[in-house]
Amino acid sequence: MKIAVVCLGNICRSPMAEVVLRDRLDGSGLDDVELVSAGTGGWHAGDAMDRRAAATLREAGYDPDHHRAKQWPVGDPATYDLVLAMDADNLADLTGLAPEGRLRMFRDFDPEGPGDVPDPYYGGDEGFREVLAMVERTSDGIVTSVAASRPGS
């Protein structure tokens, strides 16, 4: 299975989601799932994660240090089983650029309900902590869905 998580610049929300979701997938024995994050815009391509996003992840026990921003598409879009947009604007930007029927909102898997993952870039530290909480609980929902879709589940 191949999953992409996509936001605007690929320095805050989608890389946070990639780090947390990778941790959850690996912890559930689903370490064969290929996972990438990307941005619909390319102005941060090659940059590290936003320092506040990285600090929030580090404080929660995750390793954010290997991320480098990428622009969507990463490779052949047709090869993705699931493309997860972080907000409605990202979803609109991805329409026609992601495999038909495989584009969803990230929070479609949130047990607290669907919606946007707010962009914390222009706010303070609390916004990054709020995004992390959304990403953690939603990642658990994604892992449950991926595990249930496996043959023999």
C-alpha atoms as a PDB file:
ATOM      1  CA  MET A   1       0.000   0.000   0.000  1.00  0.00           C
ATOM      2  CA  LYS A   2       1.159   3.515  -0.801  1.00  0.00           C
ATOM      3  CA  ILE A   3      -0.160   6.608   1.054  1.00  0.00           C
ATOM      4  CA  ALA A   4       0.536  10.335   0.585  1.00  0.00           C
ATOM      5  CA  VAL A   5      -0.341  13.085   3.059  1.00  0.00           C
ATOM      6  CA  VAL A   6      -0.582  16.521   1.443  1.00  0.00           C
ATOM      7  CA  CYS A   7      -0.830  20.078   2.766  1.00  0.00           C
ATOM      8  CA  LEU A   8       0.203  23.452   1.336  1.00  0.00           C
ATOM      9  CA  GLY A   9       3.961  23.811   1.873  1.00  0.00           C
ATOM     10  CA  ASN A  10       4.963  20.453   3.400  1.00  0.00           C
ATOM     11  CA  ILE A  11       6.679  21.994   6.409  1.00  0.00           C
ATOM     12  CA  CYS A  12       4.009  21.773   9.164  1.00  0.00           C
ATOM     13  CA  ARG A  13       0.881  19.620   8.969  1.00  0.00           C
ATOM     14  CA  SER A  14       1.689  16.923   6.421  1.00  0.00           C
ATOM     15  CA  PRO A  15       5.203  16.216   7.734  1.00  0.00           C
ATOM     16  CA  MET A  16       3.840  16.024  11.271  1.00  0.00           C
ATOM     17  CA  ALA A  17       1.256  13.552   9.981  1.00  0.00           C
ATOM     18  CA  GLU A  18       3.909  11.581   8.098  1.00  0.00           C
ATOM     19  CA  VAL A  19       6.082  11.207  11.216  1.00  0.00           C
ATOM     20  CA  VAL A  20       3.199  10.204  13.487  1.00  0.00           C
ATOM     21  CA  LEU A  21       1.510   7.922  10.957  1.00  0.00           C
ATOM     22  CA  ARG A  22       4.823   6.160  10.205  1.00  0.00           C
ATOM     23  CA  ASP A  23       5.286   5.583  13.949  1.00  0.00           C
ATOM     24  CA  ARG A  24       1.746   4.179  14.264  1.00  0.00           C
ATOM     25  CA  LEU A  25       2.042   1.982  11.155  1.00  0.00           C
ATOM     26  CA  ASP A  26       5.385   0.560  12.261  1.00  0.00           C
ATOM     27  CA  GLY A  27       4.051  -0.026  15.778  1.00  0.00           C
ATOM     28  CA  SER A  28       1.115  -1.967  14.341  1.00  0.00           C
ATOM     29  CA  GLY A  29       3.265  -4.227  12.188  1.00  0.00           C
ATOM     30  CA  LEU A  30       2.279  -2.377   8.995  1.00  0.00           C
ATOM     31  CA  ASP A  31       5.821  -1.313   8.216  1.00  0.00           C
ATOM     32  CA  ASP A  32       5.437  -2.333   4.557  1.00  0.00           C
ATOM     33  CA  VAL A  33       3.159   0.652   3.864  1.00  0.00           C
ATOM     34  CA  GLU A  34       4.983   3.251   1.760  1.00  0.00           C
ATOM     35  CA  LEU A  35       4.291   6.724   3.146  1.00  0.00           C
ATOM     36  CA  VAL A  36       5.222  10.182   1.869  1.00  0.00           C
ATOM     37  CA  SER A  37       4.183  13.749   2.550  1.00  0.00           C
ATOM     38  CA  ALA A  38       4.158  16.625   0.096  1.00  0.00           C
ATOM     39  CA  GLY A  39       2.882  20.143  -0.462  1.00  0.00           C
ATOM     40  CA  THR A  40       0.738  21.499  -3.254  1.00  0.00           C
ATOM     41  CA  GLY A  41       3.167  24.435  -3.469  1.00  0.00           C
ATOM     42  CA  GLY A  42       6.870  24.050  -4.134  1.00  0.00           C
ATOM     43  CA  TRP A  43       8.379  27.127  -2.468  1.00  0.00           C
ATOM     44  CA  HIS A  44       9.674  25.093   0.533  1.00  0.00           C
ATOM     45  CA  ALA A  45      10.974  22.122  -1.530  1.00  0.00           C
ATOM     46  CA  GLY A  46      14.164  20.814   0.065  1.00  0.00           C
ATOM     47  CA  ASP A  47      13.602  22.664   3.349  1.00  0.00           C
ATOM     48  CA  ALA A  48      13.494  21.048   6.769  1.00  0.00           C
ATOM     49  CA  MET A  49      10.275  20.928   8.766  1.00  0.00           C
ATOM     50  CA  ASP A  50       9.145  24.164  10.439  1.00  0.00           C
ATOM     51  CA  ARG A  51      11.137  24.467  13.683  1.00  0.00           C
ATOM     52  CA  ARG A  52       7.951  24.739  15.777  1.00  0.00           C
ATOM     53  CA  ALA A  53       6.455  21.614  14.190  1.00  0.00           C
ATOM     54  CA  ALA A  54       9.719  19.751  14.782  1.00  0.00           C
ATOM     55  CA  ALA A  55       9.906  20.947  18.398  1.00  0.00           C
ATOM     56  CA  THR A  56       6.312  19.835  19.043  1.00  0.00           C
ATOM     57  CA  LEU A  57       7.074  16.389  17.647  1.00  0.00           C
ATOM     58  CA  ARG A  58      10.314  16.111  19.633  1.00  0.00           C
ATOM     59  CA  GLU A  59       8.532  17.063  22.871  1.00  0.00           C
ATOM     60  CA  ALA A  60       6.069  14.227  22.204  1.00  0.00           C
ATOM     61  CA  GLY A  61       8.865  11.697  21.605  1.00  0.00           C
ATOM     62  CA  TYR A  62       8.955  11.609  17.788  1.00  0.00           C
ATOM     63  CA  ASP A  63      11.968  12.102  15.492  1.00  0.00           C
ATOM     64  CA  PRO A  64      11.311  14.892  12.943  1.00  0.00           C
ATOM     65  CA  ASP A  65      14.880  15.333  11.738  1.00  0.00           C
ATOM     66  CA  HIS A  66      14.797  13.411   8.456  1.00  0.00           C
ATOM     67  CA  HIS A  67      12.087  15.430   6.712  1.00  0.00           C
ATOM     68  CA  ARG A  68      12.753  17.470   3.573  1.00  0.00           C
ATOM     69  CA  ALA A  69       9.818  19.245   1.934  1.00  0.00           C
ATOM     70  CA  LYS A  70       8.583  17.920  -1.399  1.00  0.00           C
ATOM     71  CA  GLN A  71       6.009  19.131  -3.900  1.00  0.00           C
ATOM     72  CA  TRP A  72       3.116  16.953  -5.071  1.00  0.00           C
ATOM     73  CA  PRO A  73       3.200  14.774  -7.068  1.00  0.00           C
ATOM     74  CA  VAL A  74       5.936  12.603  -5.614  1.00  0.00           C
ATOM     75  CA  GLY A  75       6.495   9.971  -8.284  1.00  0.00           C
ATOM     76  CA  ASP A  76       3.567   8.648 -10.297  1.00  0.00           C
ATOM     77  CA  PRO A  77       0.253   9.760  -8.726  1.00  0.00           C
ATOM     78  CA  ALA A  78      -1.494   6.683 -10.166  1.00  0.00           C
ATOM     79  CA  THR A  79       0.516   4.436  -7.840  1.00  0.00           C
ATOM     80  CA  TYR A  80      -1.025   5.838  -4.637  1.00  0.00           C
ATOM     81  CA  ASP A  81      -3.733   3.851  -2.915  1.00  0.00           C
ATOM     82  CA  LEU A  82      -4.702   6.784  -0.707  1.00  0.00           C
ATOM     83  CA  VAL A  83      -3.983  10.526  -0.951  1.00  0.00           C
ATOM     84  CA  LEU A  84      -4.969  12.434   2.186  1.00  0.00           C
ATOM     85  CA  ALA A  85      -5.523  16.199   2.005  1.00  0.00           C
ATOM     86  CA  MET A  86      -5.104  18.177   5.215  1.00  0.00           C
ATOM     87  CA  ASP A  87      -7.801  20.760   4.402  1.00  0.00           C
ATOM     88  CA  ALA A  88     -10.515  21.587   1.871  1.00  0.00           C
ATOM     89  CA  ASP A  89      -8.234  23.926  -0.106  1.00  0.00           C
ATOM     90  CA  ASN A  90      -5.636  21.160  -0.438  1.00  0.00           C
ATOM     91  CA  LEU A  91      -8.409  18.780  -1.505  1.00  0.00           C
ATOM     92  CA  ALA A  92      -9.505  21.203  -4.236  1.00  0.00           C
ATOM     93  CA  ASP A  93      -5.879  21.652  -5.384  1.00  0.00           C
ATOM     94  CA  LEU A  94      -5.439  17.871  -5.590  1.00  0.00           C
ATOM     95  CA  THR A  95      -8.623  17.183  -7.534  1.00  0.00           C
ATOM     96  CA  GLY A  96      -7.497  15.885 -10.912  1.00  0.00           C
ATOM     97  CA  LEU A  97      -3.902  15.479  -9.663  1.00  0.00           C
ATOM     98  CA  ALA A  98      -4.546  12.471  -7.437  1.00  0.00           C
ATOM     99  CA  PRO A  99      -5.876   9.044  -8.413  1.00  0.00           C
ATOM    100  CA  GLU A 100      -9.630   9.157  -8.883  1.00  0.00           C
ATOM    101  CA  GLY A 101     -11.478   7.584  -5.984  1.00  0.00           C
ATOM    102  CA  ARG A 102      -8.379   7.578  -3.782  1.00  0.00           C
ATOM    103  CA  LEU A 103      -8.407  11.211  -2.639  1.00  0.00           C
ATOM    104  CA  ARG A 104      -9.797  11.788   0.853  1.00  0.00           C
ATOM    105  CA  MET A 105      -9.558  14.274   3.661  1.00  0.00           C
ATOM    106  CA  PHE A 106      -7.055  13.256   6.366  1.00  0.00           C
ATOM    107  CA  ARG A 107      -9.642  13.759   9.095  1.00  0.00           C
ATOM    108  CA  ASP A 108     -12.155  11.462   7.390  1.00  0.00           C
ATOM    109  CA  PHE A 109     -10.499   8.919   9.709  1.00  0.00           C
ATOM    110  CA  ASP A 110     -10.725  11.104  12.860  1.00  0.00           C
ATOM    111  CA  PRO A 111     -12.906   9.487  15.544  1.00  0.00           C
ATOM    112  CA  GLU A 112     -13.977  13.005  16.601  1.00  0.00           C
ATOM    113  CA  GLY A 113     -15.314  13.715  13.116  1.00  0.00           C
ATOM    114  CA  PRO A 114     -14.200  15.011   9.742  1.00  0.00           C
ATOM    115  CA  GLY A 115     -12.951  18.485   8.939  1.00  0.00           C
ATOM    116  CA  ASP A 116      -9.832  20.469   8.191  1.00  0.00           C
ATOM    117  CA  VAL A 117      -6.529  20.164  10.002  1.00  0.00           C
ATOM    118  CA  PRO A 118      -5.916  23.874  10.662  1.00  0.00           C
ATOM    119  CA  ASP A 119      -2.660  25.397   9.435  1.00  0.00           C
ATOM    120  CA  PRO A 120      -0.667  26.403  12.549  1.00  0.00           C
ATOM    121  CA  TYR A 121       2.008  28.308  10.603  1.00  0.00           C
ATOM    122  CA  TYR A 122       0.849  31.834  11.478  1.00  0.00           C
ATOM    123  CA  GLY A 123      -0.093  31.053  15.066  1.00  0.00           C
ATOM    124  CA  GLY A 124       1.668  30.102  18.270  1.00  0.00           C
ATOM    125  CA  ASP A 125       2.826  26.883  19.863  1.00  0.00           C
ATOM    126  CA  GLU A 126      -0.689  25.910  20.965  1.00  0.00           C
ATOM    127  CA  GLY A 127      -1.731  25.529  17.318  1.00  0.00           C
ATOM    128  CA  PHE A 128       1.044  23.002  16.738  1.00  0.00           C
ATOM    129  CA  ARG A 129       0.003  21.049  19.838  1.00  0.00           C
ATOM    130  CA  GLU A 130      -3.618  21.077  18.603  1.00  0.00           C
ATOM    131  CA  VAL A 131      -2.523  19.766  15.201  1.00  0.00           C
ATOM    132  CA  LEU A 132      -0.440  17.044  16.845  1.00  0.00           C
ATOM    133  CA  ALA A 133      -3.444  15.867  18.896  1.00  0.00           C
ATOM    134  CA  MET A 134      -5.603  15.714  15.731  1.00  0.00           C
ATOM    135  CA  VAL A 135      -2.862  13.912  13.827  1.00  0.00           C
ATOM    136  CA  GLU A 136      -2.296  11.331  16.569  1.00  0.00           C
ATOM    137  CA  ARG A 137      -5.936  10.309  16.958  1.00  0.00           C
ATOM    138  CA  THR A 138      -6.547  10.405  13.191  1.00  0.00           C
ATOM    139  CA  SER A 139      -3.426   8.330  12.529  1.00  0.00           C
ATOM    140  CA  ASP A 140      -4.830   5.679  14.841  1.00  0.00           C
ATOM    141  CA  GLY A 141      -8.004   5.665  12.727  1.00  0.00           C
ATOM    142  CA  ILE A 142      -5.999   5.375   9.508  1.00  0.00           C
ATOM    143  CA  VAL A 143      -4.019   2.442  10.889  1.00  0.00           C
ATOM    144  CA  THR A 144      -7.248   0.692  11.874  1.00  0.00           C
ATOM    145  CA  SER A 145      -8.616   1.211   8.356  1.00  0.00           C
ATOM    146  CA  VAL A 146      -5.413   0.029   6.655  1.00  0.00           C
ATOM    147  CA  ALA A 147      -5.241  -3.053   8.866  1.00  0.00           C
ATOM    148  CA  ALA A 148      -8.896  -3.883   8.141  1.00  0.00           C
ATOM    149  CA  SER A 149      -8.296  -3.624   4.389  1.00  0.00           C
ATOM    150  CA  ARG A 150      -5.585  -6.293   4.472  1.00  0.00           C
ATOM    151  CA  PRO A 151      -6.403  -9.765   3.168  1.00  0.00           C
ATOM    152  CA  GLY A 152      -7.347 -12.093   5.995  1.00  0.00           C
ATOM    153  CA  SER A 153      -8.425  -9.259   8.293  1.00  0.00           C
END
